[in-house]
Amino acid sequence: MWSKQFFMDGDVILDVSLYVATELTSDIVINVGDVKFYLHKFPLLSKSLRLQLVSNTSEENDEVHIHDIPGGPVAFEICAKFCYGMVVTLNAYNVVAAHCAVEYLEMYETVEKGNLFFKIEVFLNSNIFRSWKDSIIVLQTTKSLLPLSDELKVVSHCIESIATKASMDTSRVEWSYTYNRKKTPI
């Protein structure tokens, strides 16, 4: 369960903090842009090679600053929720940001079996790239995440998917995974 706390000065938000509601107090603070995440090391470090390395080399072992994560706080929140075993809802609008954040955090199968990188790849291939509309939406979201989205081959897979569907019999083309189904939790 996540809880948010906003610190305001009049109408201006000065700080946003996110907490995981558990009985244990947090032992690490991850600063992503202007958002502070009060979390626990074990779930994060067990799935993210980058956080393992940053935590081990950081002078402030309990506070980590990540300013350049693709997708910002929203994408990091998806990754953190996955680390805690919470339901993560992926769709055509957030999957590329999550994919780039996972790459940045190095959440690979070599770190832990069934990690988020693999699950996102499966989601893209089995749902998004099968759909005409979702392939177009995903292609549009890659623009703000270049060049990493291109390095992850999301751009080329979208173009290939769209080109394939443009040359198919239209009765065999799926319009939209996102439109036809409720958002799928991972």
N, C-alpha and C. Protein backbone atom coordinates (compact mmCIF):
# COMPACT_ATOMS: atom_id res chain seq x y z
N MET A 1 0.84 -1.17 0.00
CA MET A 1 0.00 0.00 0.00
C MET A 1 0.89 1.24 0.00
N TRP A 2 0.64 2.16 -0.89
CA TRP A 2 1.40 3.40 -0.98
C TRP A 2 0.62 4.51 -0.31
N SER A 3 1.33 5.40 0.36
CA SER A 3 0.70 6.62 0.84
C SER A 3 1.55 7.80 0.38
N LYS A 4 0.87 8.88 0.03
CA LYS A 4 1.57 10.07 -0.47
C LYS A 4 1.43 11.18 0.55
N GLN A 5 2.49 11.99 0.63
CA GLN A 5 2.48 13.14 1.51
C GLN A 5 2.97 14.34 0.71
N PHE A 6 2.23 15.43 0.76
CA PHE A 6 2.59 16.64 0.04
C PHE A 6 2.94 17.72 1.04
N PHE A 7 4.04 18.42 0.81
CA PHE A 7 4.42 19.56 1.63
C PHE A 7 4.20 20.80 0.77
N MET A 8 3.35 21.71 1.26
CA MET A 8 2.96 22.85 0.43
C MET A 8 3.27 24.17 1.12
N ASP A 9 3.48 25.18 0.30
CA ASP A 9 3.61 26.56 0.75
C ASP A 9 2.57 27.34 -0.03
N GLY A 10 1.42 27.55 0.58
CA GLY A 10 0.31 28.17 -0.15
C GLY A 10 -0.22 27.21 -1.19
N ASP A 11 -0.19 27.63 -2.45
CA ASP A 11 -0.66 26.79 -3.55
C ASP A 11 0.46 26.02 -4.23
N VAL A 12 1.68 26.18 -3.75
CA VAL A 12 2.84 25.56 -4.39
C VAL A 12 3.25 24.30 -3.64
N ILE A 13 3.38 23.19 -4.37
CA ILE A 13 3.86 21.95 -3.77
C ILE A 13 5.37 22.02 -3.67
N LEU A 14 5.90 21.92 -2.45
CA LEU A 14 7.34 21.99 -2.23
C LEU A 14 7.99 20.62 -2.33
N ASP A 15 7.29 19.60 -1.87
CA ASP A 15 7.89 18.27 -1.80
C ASP A 15 6.78 17.23 -1.85
N VAL A 16 7.06 16.13 -2.51
CA VAL A 16 6.13 15.01 -2.55
C VAL A 16 6.90 13.80 -2.03
N SER A 17 6.31 13.08 -1.10
CA SER A 17 6.95 11.89 -0.56
C SER A 17 6.00 10.72 -0.69
N LEU A 18 6.55 9.55 -1.02
CA LEU A 18 5.76 8.34 -1.10
C LEU A 18 6.30 7.34 -0.09
N TYR A 19 5.40 6.71 0.62
CA TYR A 19 5.76 5.74 1.64
C TYR A 19 5.10 4.41 1.33
N VAL A 20 5.78 3.34 1.67
CA VAL A 20 5.16 2.03 1.63
C VAL A 20 4.62 1.78 3.03
N ALA A 21 3.34 1.49 3.11
CA ALA A 21 2.71 1.27 4.41
C ALA A 21 2.98 -0.16 4.88
N THR A 22 3.95 -0.30 5.77
CA THR A 22 4.27 -1.59 6.38
C THR A 22 4.54 -1.36 7.86
N GLU A 23 4.75 -2.45 8.58
CA GLU A 23 5.06 -2.33 9.99
C GLU A 23 6.52 -1.96 10.21
N LEU A 24 7.36 -2.18 9.22
CA LEU A 24 8.78 -1.85 9.33
C LEU A 24 9.04 -0.42 8.89
N THR A 25 9.94 0.25 9.60
CA THR A 25 10.30 1.59 9.16
C THR A 25 11.21 1.49 7.95
N SER A 26 11.16 2.48 7.10
CA SER A 26 11.98 2.45 5.89
C SER A 26 13.46 2.58 6.27
N ASP A 27 14.31 1.94 5.47
CA ASP A 27 15.75 2.03 5.73
C ASP A 27 16.52 2.62 4.56
N ILE A 28 15.79 3.12 3.55
CA ILE A 28 16.42 3.80 2.43
C ILE A 28 15.45 4.83 1.85
N VAL A 29 16.00 5.98 1.49
CA VAL A 29 15.21 7.02 0.84
C VAL A 29 15.77 7.17 -0.57
N ILE A 30 14.90 7.00 -1.55
CA ILE A 30 15.30 7.16 -2.95
C ILE A 30 14.69 8.48 -3.44
N ASN A 31 15.54 9.41 -3.82
CA ASN A 31 15.10 10.70 -4.36
C ASN A 31 15.09 10.61 -5.88
N VAL A 32 13.92 10.73 -6.47
CA VAL A 32 13.78 10.71 -7.93
C VAL A 32 13.16 12.05 -8.31
N GLY A 33 13.97 12.93 -8.87
CA GLY A 33 13.49 14.27 -9.16
C GLY A 33 13.08 14.95 -7.87
N ASP A 34 11.86 15.44 -7.81
CA ASP A 34 11.35 16.13 -6.62
C ASP A 34 10.58 15.20 -5.69
N VAL A 35 10.58 13.91 -5.96
CA VAL A 35 9.80 12.96 -5.16
C VAL A 35 10.74 12.09 -4.33
N LYS A 36 10.40 11.95 -3.05
CA LYS A 36 11.16 11.07 -2.15
C LYS A 36 10.35 9.80 -1.93
N PHE A 37 11.01 8.67 -2.09
CA PHE A 37 10.39 7.37 -1.84
C PHE A 37 11.03 6.80 -0.57
N TYR A 38 10.24 6.58 0.47
CA TYR A 38 10.73 5.99 1.71
C TYR A 38 10.46 4.49 1.64
N LEU A 39 11.52 3.72 1.42
CA LEU A 39 11.37 2.31 1.09
C LEU A 39 12.26 1.44 1.97
N HIS A 40 12.37 0.17 1.58
CA HIS A 40 13.19 -0.81 2.28
C HIS A 40 14.22 -1.37 1.32
N LYS A 41 15.43 -1.54 1.78
CA LYS A 41 16.52 -1.97 0.91
C LYS A 41 16.29 -3.35 0.31
N PHE A 42 15.90 -4.31 1.12
CA PHE A 42 15.86 -5.69 0.64
C PHE A 42 15.03 -5.89 -0.63
N PRO A 43 13.77 -5.44 -0.68
CA PRO A 43 13.01 -5.69 -1.91
C PRO A 43 13.64 -5.02 -3.14
N LEU A 44 14.21 -3.83 -2.95
CA LEU A 44 14.79 -3.10 -4.08
C LEU A 44 16.12 -3.70 -4.52
N LEU A 45 17.00 -3.92 -3.56
CA LEU A 45 18.34 -4.40 -3.90
C LEU A 45 18.33 -5.83 -4.41
N SER A 46 17.32 -6.60 -4.05
CA SER A 46 17.25 -7.98 -4.53
C SER A 46 16.88 -8.05 -6.01
N LYS A 47 16.35 -6.96 -6.57
CA LYS A 47 15.91 -6.98 -7.96
C LYS A 47 16.64 -5.98 -8.86
N SER A 48 17.38 -5.03 -8.30
CA SER A 48 18.03 -3.99 -9.10
C SER A 48 19.54 -3.97 -8.88
N LEU A 49 20.27 -4.32 -9.93
CA LEU A 49 21.73 -4.29 -9.86
C LEU A 49 22.23 -2.86 -9.65
N ARG A 50 21.64 -1.89 -10.33
CA ARG A 50 22.09 -0.50 -10.19
C ARG A 50 21.90 -0.01 -8.76
N LEU A 51 20.76 -0.31 -8.13
CA LEU A 51 20.55 0.13 -6.76
C LEU A 51 21.49 -0.57 -5.80
N GLN A 52 21.85 -1.82 -6.09
CA GLN A 52 22.87 -2.51 -5.28
C GLN A 52 24.18 -1.74 -5.33
N LEU A 53 24.61 -1.38 -6.53
CA LEU A 53 25.88 -0.68 -6.70
C LEU A 53 25.85 0.71 -6.10
N VAL A 54 24.77 1.45 -6.33
CA VAL A 54 24.65 2.81 -5.79
C VAL A 54 24.60 2.78 -4.27
N SER A 55 23.88 1.84 -3.72
CA SER A 55 23.76 1.73 -2.27
C SER A 55 25.10 1.39 -1.63
N ASN A 56 25.88 0.53 -2.28
CA ASN A 56 27.18 0.14 -1.73
C ASN A 56 28.22 1.25 -1.83
N THR A 57 28.12 2.11 -2.84
CA THR A 57 29.13 3.15 -3.04
C THR A 57 28.70 4.51 -2.51
N SER A 58 27.45 4.65 -2.12
CA SER A 58 26.94 5.93 -1.65
C SER A 58 27.49 6.26 -0.27
N GLU A 59 27.91 7.52 -0.10
CA GLU A 59 28.39 7.95 1.21
C GLU A 59 27.26 7.94 2.22
N GLU A 60 26.10 8.40 1.79
CA GLU A 60 24.90 8.32 2.62
C GLU A 60 24.20 7.02 2.25
N ASN A 61 24.53 5.95 2.94
CA ASN A 61 24.05 4.61 2.59
C ASN A 61 22.53 4.49 2.65
N ASP A 62 21.87 5.41 3.37
CA ASP A 62 20.42 5.31 3.51
C ASP A 62 19.66 6.29 2.62
N GLU A 63 20.38 7.11 1.82
CA GLU A 63 19.71 8.04 0.91
C GLU A 63 20.41 8.02 -0.45
N VAL A 64 19.61 7.79 -1.48
CA VAL A 64 20.13 7.67 -2.84
C VAL A 64 19.41 8.71 -3.72
N HIS A 65 20.18 9.38 -4.57
CA HIS A 65 19.62 10.36 -5.50
C HIS A 65 19.70 9.81 -6.92
N ILE A 66 18.55 9.73 -7.57
CA ILE A 66 18.48 9.28 -8.96
C ILE A 66 17.77 10.38 -9.74
N HIS A 67 18.53 11.19 -10.45
CA HIS A 67 17.93 12.32 -11.16
C HIS A 67 17.71 12.04 -12.64
N ASP A 68 18.37 11.02 -13.17
CA ASP A 68 18.33 10.81 -14.61
C ASP A 68 17.61 9.53 -15.04
N ILE A 69 16.74 9.01 -14.19
CA ILE A 69 16.03 7.79 -14.56
C ILE A 69 14.97 8.11 -15.62
N PRO A 70 14.97 7.36 -16.71
CA PRO A 70 13.97 7.60 -17.76
C PRO A 70 12.56 7.37 -17.20
N GLY A 71 11.65 8.26 -17.55
CA GLY A 71 10.28 8.12 -17.08
C GLY A 71 10.03 8.77 -15.73
N GLY A 72 11.10 9.20 -15.06
CA GLY A 72 10.98 9.93 -13.80
C GLY A 72 10.32 9.15 -12.68
N PRO A 73 9.72 9.88 -11.73
CA PRO A 73 9.11 9.25 -10.55
C PRO A 73 8.00 8.25 -10.87
N VAL A 74 7.24 8.50 -11.92
CA VAL A 74 6.13 7.60 -12.26
C VAL A 74 6.67 6.23 -12.67
N ALA A 75 7.70 6.21 -13.50
CA ALA A 75 8.30 4.95 -13.93
C ALA A 75 9.01 4.26 -12.77
N PHE A 76 9.68 5.04 -11.92
CA PHE A 76 10.33 4.44 -10.75
C PHE A 76 9.30 3.81 -9.82
N GLU A 77 8.16 4.46 -9.66
CA GLU A 77 7.11 3.91 -8.80
C GLU A 77 6.63 2.56 -9.30
N ILE A 78 6.51 2.39 -10.61
CA ILE A 78 6.13 1.10 -11.18
C ILE A 78 7.16 0.04 -10.80
N CYS A 79 8.43 0.39 -10.94
CA CYS A 79 9.51 -0.56 -10.61
C CYS A 79 9.52 -0.89 -9.12
N ALA A 80 9.34 0.12 -8.28
CA ALA A 80 9.34 -0.10 -6.83
C ALA A 80 8.16 -0.98 -6.42
N LYS A 81 7.00 -0.73 -6.98
CA LYS A 81 5.84 -1.57 -6.67
C LYS A 81 6.10 -3.02 -7.05
N PHE A 82 6.71 -3.24 -8.19
CA PHE A 82 7.05 -4.60 -8.61
C PHE A 82 7.99 -5.25 -7.59
N CYS A 83 8.98 -4.49 -7.12
CA CYS A 83 9.93 -5.03 -6.14
C CYS A 83 9.23 -5.48 -4.86
N TYR A 84 8.16 -4.80 -4.50
CA TYR A 84 7.41 -5.15 -3.30
C TYR A 84 6.35 -6.23 -3.55
N GLY A 85 6.26 -6.70 -4.77
CA GLY A 85 5.28 -7.73 -5.08
C GLY A 85 3.87 -7.19 -5.25
N MET A 86 3.75 -5.88 -5.44
CA MET A 86 2.43 -5.27 -5.64
C MET A 86 2.01 -5.45 -7.10
N VAL A 87 0.73 -5.31 -7.34
CA VAL A 87 0.21 -5.39 -8.70
C VAL A 87 0.69 -4.17 -9.48
N VAL A 88 1.27 -4.43 -10.63
CA VAL A 88 1.74 -3.37 -11.52
C VAL A 88 0.87 -3.41 -12.77
N THR A 89 0.25 -2.30 -13.08
CA THR A 89 -0.61 -2.24 -14.25
C THR A 89 0.14 -1.58 -15.40
N LEU A 90 0.38 -2.37 -16.43
CA LEU A 90 1.04 -1.86 -17.63
C LEU A 90 0.01 -1.65 -18.72
N ASN A 91 0.25 -0.63 -19.54
CA ASN A 91 -0.61 -0.37 -20.69
C ASN A 91 0.23 0.32 -21.76
N ALA A 92 -0.37 0.64 -22.86
CA ALA A 92 0.35 1.24 -23.98
C ALA A 92 0.95 2.60 -23.62
N TYR A 93 0.39 3.27 -22.66
CA TYR A 93 0.86 4.61 -22.30
C TYR A 93 2.04 4.61 -21.33
N ASN A 94 2.21 3.56 -20.51
CA ASN A 94 3.28 3.58 -19.52
C ASN A 94 4.35 2.51 -19.71
N VAL A 95 4.15 1.59 -20.63
CA VAL A 95 5.06 0.46 -20.74
C VAL A 95 6.46 0.86 -21.21
N VAL A 96 6.58 1.85 -22.08
CA VAL A 96 7.90 2.25 -22.57
C VAL A 96 8.69 2.94 -21.46
N ALA A 97 8.04 3.82 -20.70
CA ALA A 97 8.72 4.47 -19.58
C ALA A 97 9.17 3.43 -18.55
N ALA A 98 8.30 2.47 -18.26
CA ALA A 98 8.67 1.40 -17.33
C ALA A 98 9.82 0.58 -17.88
N HIS A 99 9.78 0.27 -19.16
CA HIS A 99 10.84 -0.53 -19.80
C HIS A 99 12.19 0.19 -19.71
N CYS A 100 12.18 1.48 -20.00
CA CYS A 100 13.42 2.27 -19.93
C CYS A 100 13.92 2.38 -18.49
N ALA A 101 13.01 2.55 -17.54
CA ALA A 101 13.41 2.62 -16.13
C ALA A 101 13.99 1.29 -15.66
N VAL A 102 13.40 0.20 -16.10
CA VAL A 102 13.90 -1.14 -15.76
C VAL A 102 15.30 -1.34 -16.32
N GLU A 103 15.52 -0.89 -17.54
CA GLU A 103 16.85 -0.97 -18.14
C GLU A 103 17.84 -0.14 -17.33
N TYR A 104 17.46 1.07 -16.96
CA TYR A 104 18.30 1.95 -16.16
C TYR A 104 18.64 1.32 -14.81
N LEU A 105 17.64 0.72 -14.18
CA LEU A 105 17.83 0.10 -12.85
C LEU A 105 18.47 -1.28 -12.93
N GLU A 106 18.63 -1.79 -14.15
CA GLU A 106 19.23 -3.11 -14.39
C GLU A 106 18.47 -4.21 -13.64
N MET A 107 17.19 -4.30 -13.92
CA MET A 107 16.32 -5.30 -13.30
C MET A 107 16.17 -6.49 -14.24
N TYR A 108 17.28 -7.22 -14.40
CA TYR A 108 17.36 -8.32 -15.38
C TYR A 108 17.13 -9.68 -14.73
N GLU A 109 16.98 -10.68 -15.59
CA GLU A 109 16.83 -12.07 -15.15
C GLU A 109 18.08 -12.55 -14.42
N THR A 110 19.24 -12.01 -14.76
CA THR A 110 20.48 -12.43 -14.11
C THR A 110 20.54 -11.95 -12.66
N VAL A 111 19.77 -10.92 -12.33
CA VAL A 111 19.71 -10.42 -10.96
C VAL A 111 18.72 -11.25 -10.15
N GLU A 112 17.55 -11.47 -10.72
CA GLU A 112 16.55 -12.34 -10.08
C GLU A 112 15.63 -12.91 -11.16
N LYS A 113 15.36 -14.20 -11.05
CA LYS A 113 14.48 -14.88 -12.00
C LYS A 113 13.09 -14.26 -11.94
N GLY A 114 12.48 -14.06 -13.10
CA GLY A 114 11.14 -13.48 -13.15
C GLY A 114 11.14 -11.98 -12.91
N ASN A 115 12.27 -11.33 -13.19
CA ASN A 115 12.38 -9.90 -12.94
C ASN A 115 11.54 -9.10 -13.94
N LEU A 116 11.43 -7.81 -13.71
CA LEU A 116 10.51 -6.97 -14.48
C LEU A 116 10.91 -6.80 -15.94
N PHE A 117 12.19 -6.80 -16.26
CA PHE A 117 12.62 -6.66 -17.65
C PHE A 117 11.98 -7.74 -18.52
N PHE A 118 12.08 -8.98 -18.07
CA PHE A 118 11.50 -10.11 -18.81
C PHE A 118 9.99 -9.97 -18.93
N LYS A 119 9.33 -9.60 -17.85
CA LYS A 119 7.86 -9.49 -17.86
C LYS A 119 7.39 -8.39 -18.82
N ILE A 120 8.14 -7.30 -18.89
CA ILE A 120 7.77 -6.23 -19.82
C ILE A 120 7.97 -6.68 -21.26
N GLU A 121 9.07 -7.38 -21.53
CA GLU A 121 9.30 -7.90 -22.89
C GLU A 121 8.16 -8.83 -23.31
N VAL A 122 7.74 -9.71 -22.42
CA VAL A 122 6.63 -10.62 -22.72
C VAL A 122 5.35 -9.83 -22.96
N PHE A 123 5.08 -8.83 -22.12
CA PHE A 123 3.88 -8.00 -22.28
C PHE A 123 3.88 -7.29 -23.63
N LEU A 124 5.01 -6.71 -24.00
CA LEU A 124 5.10 -6.02 -25.29
C LEU A 124 4.82 -6.98 -26.45
N ASN A 125 5.48 -8.13 -26.42
CA ASN A 125 5.36 -9.08 -27.53
C ASN A 125 4.01 -9.78 -27.59
N SER A 126 3.43 -10.09 -26.45
CA SER A 126 2.18 -10.86 -26.46
C SER A 126 0.94 -9.98 -26.50
N ASN A 127 1.06 -8.71 -26.18
CA ASN A 127 -0.12 -7.84 -26.14
C ASN A 127 0.01 -6.60 -27.02
N ILE A 128 0.99 -5.79 -26.76
CA ILE A 128 1.09 -4.49 -27.44
C ILE A 128 1.38 -4.64 -28.92
N PHE A 129 2.41 -5.40 -29.29
CA PHE A 129 2.79 -5.49 -30.70
C PHE A 129 1.80 -6.30 -31.54
N ARG A 130 0.85 -6.95 -30.91
CA ARG A 130 -0.20 -7.66 -31.64
C ARG A 130 -1.33 -6.72 -32.04
N SER A 131 -1.35 -5.55 -31.46
CA SER A 131 -2.45 -4.61 -31.67
C SER A 131 -2.01 -3.41 -32.50
N TRP A 132 -2.87 -3.03 -33.39
CA TRP A 132 -2.63 -1.89 -34.28
C TRP A 132 -2.53 -0.58 -33.48
N LYS A 133 -3.59 -0.27 -32.75
CA LYS A 133 -3.66 1.00 -32.02
C LYS A 133 -2.58 1.09 -30.94
N ASP A 134 -2.38 0.03 -30.18
CA ASP A 134 -1.39 0.07 -29.10
C ASP A 134 0.03 0.21 -29.64
N SER A 135 0.31 -0.38 -30.79
CA SER A 135 1.63 -0.21 -31.41
C SER A 135 1.87 1.25 -31.77
N ILE A 136 0.83 1.91 -32.25
CA ILE A 136 0.94 3.34 -32.60
C ILE A 136 1.12 4.19 -31.34
N ILE A 137 0.34 3.90 -30.31
CA ILE A 137 0.45 4.64 -29.04
C ILE A 137 1.85 4.48 -28.46
N VAL A 138 2.33 3.24 -28.43
CA VAL A 138 3.67 2.97 -27.88
C VAL A 138 4.73 3.70 -28.70
N LEU A 139 4.60 3.66 -30.02
CA LEU A 139 5.56 4.38 -30.87
C LEU A 139 5.58 5.86 -30.53
N GLN A 140 4.42 6.45 -30.30
CA GLN A 140 4.36 7.87 -29.93
C GLN A 140 5.03 8.13 -28.58
N THR A 141 4.92 7.21 -27.63
CA THR A 141 5.53 7.42 -26.31
C THR A 141 7.04 7.25 -26.33
N THR A 142 7.57 6.59 -27.37
CA THR A 142 9.03 6.40 -27.42
C THR A 142 9.77 7.70 -27.67
N LYS A 143 9.10 8.67 -28.28
CA LYS A 143 9.75 9.92 -28.67
C LYS A 143 10.41 10.62 -27.48
N SER A 144 9.72 10.70 -26.36
CA SER A 144 10.25 11.40 -25.19
C SER A 144 11.32 10.59 -24.45
N LEU A 145 11.50 9.33 -24.85
CA LEU A 145 12.45 8.46 -24.16
C LEU A 145 13.60 8.03 -25.06
N LEU A 146 13.80 8.76 -26.15
CA LEU A 146 14.93 8.48 -27.04
C LEU A 146 16.22 8.95 -26.37
N PRO A 147 17.34 8.33 -26.58
CA PRO A 147 17.62 7.22 -27.49
C PRO A 147 17.42 5.84 -26.86
N LEU A 148 17.14 5.79 -25.54
CA LEU A 148 17.05 4.48 -24.87
C LEU A 148 15.93 3.61 -25.44
N SER A 149 14.79 4.20 -25.75
CA SER A 149 13.70 3.39 -26.31
C SER A 149 14.10 2.80 -27.66
N ASP A 150 14.95 3.49 -28.40
CA ASP A 150 15.45 2.97 -29.67
C ASP A 150 16.48 1.86 -29.43
N GLU A 151 17.36 2.05 -28.45
CA GLU A 151 18.35 1.03 -28.11
C GLU A 151 17.69 -0.26 -27.64
N LEU A 152 16.55 -0.14 -26.98
CA LEU A 152 15.80 -1.32 -26.52
C LEU A 152 14.98 -1.94 -27.64
N LYS A 153 15.08 -1.38 -28.83
CA LYS A 153 14.42 -1.86 -30.04
C LYS A 153 12.90 -1.72 -30.00
N VAL A 154 12.39 -0.89 -29.11
CA VAL A 154 10.94 -0.67 -29.05
C VAL A 154 10.47 0.05 -30.30
N VAL A 155 11.24 1.05 -30.75
CA VAL A 155 10.87 1.82 -31.94
C VAL A 155 10.78 0.90 -33.16
N SER A 156 11.81 0.09 -33.38
CA SER A 156 11.81 -0.79 -34.56
C SER A 156 10.72 -1.85 -34.48
N HIS A 157 10.44 -2.37 -33.28
CA HIS A 157 9.36 -3.35 -33.14
C HIS A 157 8.00 -2.72 -33.43
N CYS A 158 7.81 -1.48 -32.99
CA CYS A 158 6.54 -0.78 -33.28
C CYS A 158 6.37 -0.56 -34.77
N ILE A 159 7.43 -0.09 -35.43
CA ILE A 159 7.36 0.17 -36.87
C ILE A 159 7.09 -1.13 -37.62
N GLU A 160 7.77 -2.20 -37.22
CA GLU A 160 7.55 -3.51 -37.86
C GLU A 160 6.11 -3.98 -37.65
N SER A 161 5.61 -3.82 -36.43
CA SER A 161 4.24 -4.23 -36.11
C SER A 161 3.22 -3.45 -36.94
N ILE A 162 3.40 -2.15 -37.02
CA ILE A 162 2.48 -1.30 -37.78
C ILE A 162 2.54 -1.63 -39.27
N ALA A 163 3.75 -1.80 -39.79
CA ALA A 163 3.91 -2.12 -41.22
C ALA A 163 3.28 -3.47 -41.55
N THR A 164 3.45 -4.45 -40.68
CA THR A 164 2.86 -5.77 -40.89
C THR A 164 1.34 -5.68 -40.93
N LYS A 165 0.77 -4.93 -40.00
CA LYS A 165 -0.69 -4.80 -39.94
C LYS A 165 -1.23 -4.02 -41.13
N ALA A 166 -0.46 -3.06 -41.63
CA ALA A 166 -0.90 -2.28 -42.79
C ALA A 166 -1.00 -3.14 -44.05
N SER A 167 -0.23 -4.22 -44.09
CA SER A 167 -0.24 -5.08 -45.27
C SER A 167 -1.09 -6.34 -45.09
N MET A 168 -1.74 -6.49 -43.93
CA MET A 168 -2.58 -7.67 -43.65
C MET A 168 -4.02 -7.44 -44.05
N ASP A 169 -4.76 -8.53 -44.13
CA ASP A 169 -6.21 -8.47 -44.27
C ASP A 169 -6.74 -7.84 -42.99
N THR A 170 -7.50 -6.77 -43.09
CA THR A 170 -7.96 -6.02 -41.91
C THR A 170 -8.81 -6.84 -40.95
N SER A 171 -9.42 -7.90 -41.41
CA SER A 171 -10.23 -8.73 -40.51
C SER A 171 -9.36 -9.52 -39.54
N ARG A 172 -8.08 -9.64 -39.82
CA ARG A 172 -7.16 -10.39 -38.95
C ARG A 172 -6.37 -9.49 -38.01
N VAL A 173 -6.56 -8.19 -38.08
CA VAL A 173 -5.80 -7.25 -37.26
C VAL A 173 -6.55 -6.96 -35.97
N GLU A 174 -5.85 -7.08 -34.83
CA GLU A 174 -6.44 -6.70 -33.55
C GLU A 174 -6.35 -5.20 -33.42
N TRP A 175 -7.46 -4.57 -33.06
CA TRP A 175 -7.48 -3.12 -32.97
C TRP A 175 -6.67 -2.64 -31.77
N SER A 176 -6.99 -3.13 -30.57
CA SER A 176 -6.31 -2.61 -29.39
C SER A 176 -6.39 -3.57 -28.22
N TYR A 177 -5.25 -3.90 -27.66
CA TYR A 177 -5.22 -4.68 -26.43
C TYR A 177 -5.80 -3.84 -25.29
N THR A 178 -5.36 -2.60 -25.19
CA THR A 178 -5.80 -1.72 -24.12
C THR A 178 -7.30 -1.45 -24.21
N TYR A 179 -7.82 -1.27 -25.42
CA TYR A 179 -9.23 -0.96 -25.62
C TYR A 179 -10.11 -2.19 -25.36
N ASN A 180 -9.67 -3.36 -25.80
CA ASN A 180 -10.49 -4.57 -25.72
C ASN A 180 -10.49 -5.22 -24.34
N ARG A 181 -9.48 -4.97 -23.55
CA ARG A 181 -9.37 -5.63 -22.24
C ARG A 181 -9.13 -4.59 -21.16
N LYS A 182 -9.44 -4.97 -19.96
CA LYS A 182 -9.10 -4.12 -18.82
C LYS A 182 -7.58 -4.14 -18.70
N LYS A 183 -7.02 -3.19 -17.98
CA LYS A 183 -5.58 -3.14 -17.80
C LYS A 183 -5.11 -4.40 -17.10
N THR A 184 -4.05 -5.01 -17.62
CA THR A 184 -3.57 -6.28 -17.10
C THR A 184 -2.53 -6.06 -16.01
N PRO A 185 -2.77 -6.59 -14.81
CA PRO A 185 -1.75 -6.50 -13.76
C PRO A 185 -0.67 -7.55 -13.99
N ILE A 186 0.52 -7.22 -13.54
CA ILE A 186 1.63 -8.19 -13.62
C ILE A 186 1.89 -8.71 -12.24
